[in-house]
């Protein structure tokens, strides 16, 4: 019997930031690196700023090519990492607008790790109250443990808080377990 080919899973990391550098991007990168240490993945990272100024289009066909590329990557991914900054008690409206263009069936059964960054701890429930319902609509498999990091958890753009790092490890272990359900032909060992 011939072994089935092993290919890395396609993971898209989307950061809801409109500038660089950003703590949301740094958090997404930290999570991506932790996943790559446990699973064979190919990560493509995007920020909202990568979609270009035409992201506010009313219909998908009017989006600029940069935004179309991000949508196609999201829809064809095996799994997602979504990391957002908290602005005035919510995630950026442009991120919601981007996901409004995603095909409603494209994320069914796909693992999603949710993360957010904000000025203080009082914003940490944004993930439970706003992000989790968004991906629930898509019938995605959100990881039970979400990751929130406040400004004080970073030093020079690097996560330094041991509790946040521990939470990342827990979320990553849950994410990797879900990755194993995506496709049995795919290698889960690190590259």
Protein backbone atom coordinates (compact mmCIF):
# COMPACT_ATOMS: atom_id res chain seq x y z
CA UNK A 1 0.00 0.00 0.00
CA UNK A 2 1.40 3.39 -1.01
CA UNK A 3 1.59 6.10 1.63
CA UNK A 4 -0.48 9.15 0.95
CA UNK A 5 1.47 12.35 0.27
CA UNK A 6 2.16 14.61 3.23
CA UNK A 7 1.74 18.29 2.66
CA UNK A 8 1.81 21.18 5.08
CA UNK A 9 -1.53 22.60 6.12
CA UNK A 10 -2.31 26.05 4.76
CA UNK A 11 -2.80 28.41 7.68
CA UNK A 12 -3.71 32.06 7.19
CA UNK A 13 -2.87 34.50 9.96
CA UNK A 14 -4.92 37.68 9.65
CA UNK A 15 -4.15 40.65 11.86
CA UNK A 16 -6.82 43.32 12.11
CA UNK A 17 -4.35 46.18 12.20
CA UNK A 18 -4.05 49.11 9.83
CA UNK A 19 -0.42 49.95 10.59
CA UNK A 20 2.94 48.34 11.20
CA UNK A 21 4.48 47.45 13.53
CA UNK A 22 1.56 46.29 15.63
CA UNK A 23 1.07 44.20 18.74
CA UNK A 24 -1.70 42.24 17.00
CA UNK A 25 0.73 41.20 14.27
CA UNK A 26 3.40 40.37 16.87
CA UNK A 27 0.90 38.17 18.74
CA UNK A 28 -0.14 36.40 15.51
CA UNK A 29 3.51 35.78 14.64
CA UNK A 30 4.26 34.39 18.11
CA UNK A 31 1.27 32.04 17.83
CA UNK A 32 2.27 31.00 14.29
CA UNK A 33 5.79 30.16 15.40
CA UNK A 34 4.49 28.10 18.32
CA UNK A 35 2.18 26.15 15.99
CA UNK A 36 5.00 25.57 13.49
CA UNK A 37 7.03 23.97 16.28
CA UNK A 38 4.28 21.34 16.68
CA UNK A 39 2.75 20.93 13.23
CA UNK A 40 3.78 21.02 9.62
CA UNK A 41 2.16 24.21 8.38
CA UNK A 42 2.60 26.83 5.68
CA UNK A 43 1.59 30.21 7.14
CA UNK A 44 0.59 33.21 5.07
CA UNK A 45 0.24 36.38 7.13
CA UNK A 46 -1.84 39.40 6.25
CA UNK A 47 -2.74 42.67 7.93
CA UNK A 48 -5.80 44.75 7.08
CA UNK A 49 -3.44 47.32 5.65
CA UNK A 50 -2.43 44.73 3.02
CA UNK A 51 -5.96 44.86 1.57
CA UNK A 52 -5.42 48.43 0.38
CA UNK A 53 -7.62 51.49 0.67
CA UNK A 54 -10.33 49.97 -1.54
CA UNK A 55 -11.37 47.46 1.14
CA UNK A 56 -14.46 49.58 1.82
CA UNK A 57 -16.04 48.55 -1.50
CA UNK A 58 -19.73 47.65 -1.40
CA UNK A 59 -19.47 44.44 -3.43
CA UNK A 60 -16.75 41.79 -3.64
CA UNK A 61 -16.25 42.31 -7.36
CA UNK A 62 -15.27 45.93 -6.69
CA UNK A 63 -12.50 45.06 -4.25
CA UNK A 64 -8.91 45.81 -5.25
CA UNK A 65 -6.70 42.85 -6.22
CA UNK A 66 -4.90 42.99 -2.86
CA UNK A 67 -8.15 42.46 -0.95
CA UNK A 68 -9.25 39.72 -3.39
CA UNK A 69 -5.96 37.91 -2.71
CA UNK A 70 -6.59 37.99 1.05
CA UNK A 71 -10.16 36.73 0.65
CA UNK A 72 -9.02 33.87 -1.58
CA UNK A 73 -6.32 32.94 0.94
CA UNK A 74 -8.84 32.95 3.81
CA UNK A 75 -11.35 30.84 1.88
CA UNK A 76 -8.77 28.27 0.72
CA UNK A 77 -6.97 27.98 4.06
CA UNK A 78 -7.12 24.82 6.11
CA UNK A 79 -7.13 26.89 9.30
CA UNK A 80 -6.98 30.50 10.51
CA UNK A 81 -5.25 32.54 13.18
CA UNK A 82 -7.16 35.78 13.77
CA UNK A 83 -5.52 38.45 15.92
CA UNK A 84 -7.18 41.83 16.35
CA UNK A 85 -6.53 45.08 18.15
CA UNK A 86 -9.31 46.42 20.35
CA UNK A 87 -10.54 49.86 19.28
CA UNK A 88 -13.17 51.54 21.44
CA UNK A 89 -14.36 48.24 22.87
CA UNK A 90 -14.53 46.27 19.62
CA UNK A 91 -12.47 44.81 16.81
CA UNK A 92 -11.94 46.98 13.70
CA UNK A 93 -15.00 47.43 11.51
CA UNK A 94 -12.90 46.87 8.39
CA UNK A 95 -12.09 43.37 9.61
CA UNK A 96 -15.81 42.63 9.89
CA UNK A 97 -16.29 44.15 6.44
CA UNK A 98 -13.58 41.85 5.05
CA UNK A 99 -15.27 38.79 6.57
CA UNK A 100 -18.63 39.97 5.20
CA UNK A 101 -17.20 39.08 1.77
CA UNK A 102 -16.12 35.55 2.81
CA UNK A 103 -18.31 32.80 1.38
CA UNK A 104 -20.59 31.61 4.23
CA UNK A 105 -19.57 27.96 3.64
CA UNK A 106 -15.82 28.52 3.22
CA UNK A 107 -14.89 28.15 6.90
CA UNK A 108 -17.18 25.30 7.90
CA UNK A 109 -15.26 22.90 10.14
CA UNK A 110 -11.99 24.82 9.88
CA UNK A 111 -9.92 25.42 13.02
CA UNK A 112 -9.61 29.07 14.09
CA UNK A 113 -7.41 30.38 16.89
CA UNK A 114 -8.68 33.71 18.22
CA UNK A 115 -6.46 36.40 19.75
CA UNK A 116 -6.67 40.08 20.59
CA UNK A 117 -4.55 42.91 21.95
CA UNK A 118 -5.57 46.02 23.80
CA UNK A 119 -4.48 48.73 26.16
CA UNK A 120 -5.63 46.93 29.30
CA UNK A 121 -7.26 43.79 30.61
CA UNK A 122 -10.79 45.23 30.59
CA UNK A 123 -10.97 44.52 26.84
CA UNK A 124 -10.18 40.81 27.12
CA UNK A 125 -13.79 39.62 26.73
CA UNK A 126 -14.00 41.02 23.19
CA UNK A 127 -12.96 37.59 21.98
CA UNK A 128 -15.86 35.83 23.69
CA UNK A 129 -18.51 38.46 23.02
CA UNK A 130 -17.62 39.51 19.48
CA UNK A 131 -15.06 37.34 17.67
CA UNK A 132 -16.34 33.92 18.70
CA UNK A 133 -19.90 34.69 17.47
CA UNK A 134 -18.51 35.90 14.12
CA UNK A 135 -16.78 32.57 13.51
CA UNK A 136 -19.74 30.70 14.96
CA UNK A 137 -21.77 32.11 12.08
CA UNK A 138 -19.30 30.45 9.69
CA UNK A 139 -19.51 27.13 11.62
CA UNK A 140 -15.75 27.27 12.12
CA UNK A 141 -14.12 25.31 14.93
CA UNK A 142 -12.81 27.99 17.26
CA UNK A 143 -10.21 26.85 19.75
CA UNK A 144 -11.68 26.83 23.28
CA UNK A 145 -8.77 28.87 24.69
CA UNK A 146 -8.41 32.36 23.29
CA UNK A 147 -5.38 34.60 23.78
CA UNK A 148 -5.53 38.20 24.94
CA UNK A 149 -2.46 40.37 25.51
CA UNK A 150 -2.47 43.86 27.01
CA UNK A 151 0.12 46.52 26.26
CA UNK A 152 1.86 45.70 29.55
CA UNK A 153 2.42 42.10 28.36
CA UNK A 154 4.81 43.30 25.64
CA UNK A 155 8.33 44.70 25.77
CA UNK A 156 9.66 46.18 22.54
CA UNK A 157 7.00 44.31 20.55
CA UNK A 158 7.77 40.93 22.15
CA UNK A 159 5.44 39.07 24.51
CA UNK A 160 7.18 38.83 27.87
CA UNK A 161 4.36 37.94 30.26
CA UNK A 162 4.67 34.29 31.38
CA UNK A 163 0.90 33.92 31.89
CA UNK A 164 0.19 35.05 28.32
CA UNK A 165 2.89 32.69 27.02
CA UNK A 166 1.30 29.84 28.99
CA UNK A 167 -2.11 30.68 27.52
CA UNK A 168 -0.60 30.71 24.02
CA UNK A 169 0.85 27.24 24.64
CA UNK A 170 -2.56 25.94 25.74
CA UNK A 171 -4.36 27.50 22.74
CA UNK A 172 -1.71 26.17 20.36
CA UNK A 173 -2.03 22.62 21.74
CA UNK A 174 -5.81 22.80 21.18
CA UNK A 175 -5.31 24.23 17.69
CA UNK A 176 -2.87 21.47 16.73
CA UNK A 177 -5.36 18.86 17.99
CA UNK A 178 -8.00 20.38 15.70
CA UNK A 179 -5.56 20.45 12.79
CA UNK A 180 -5.36 16.67 13.03
CA UNK A 181 -9.06 16.52 12.18
CA UNK A 182 -8.70 18.61 9.01
CA UNK A 183 -7.15 15.96 6.81
CA UNK A 184 -5.72 12.61 7.85
CA UNK A 185 -3.30 12.68 4.88
CA UNK A 186 -1.46 15.70 6.25
CA UNK A 187 1.67 15.39 8.36
CA UNK A 188 1.30 16.97 11.79
CA UNK A 189 4.98 16.74 12.70
CA UNK A 190 6.97 19.99 12.45
CA UNK A 191 8.81 20.62 9.20
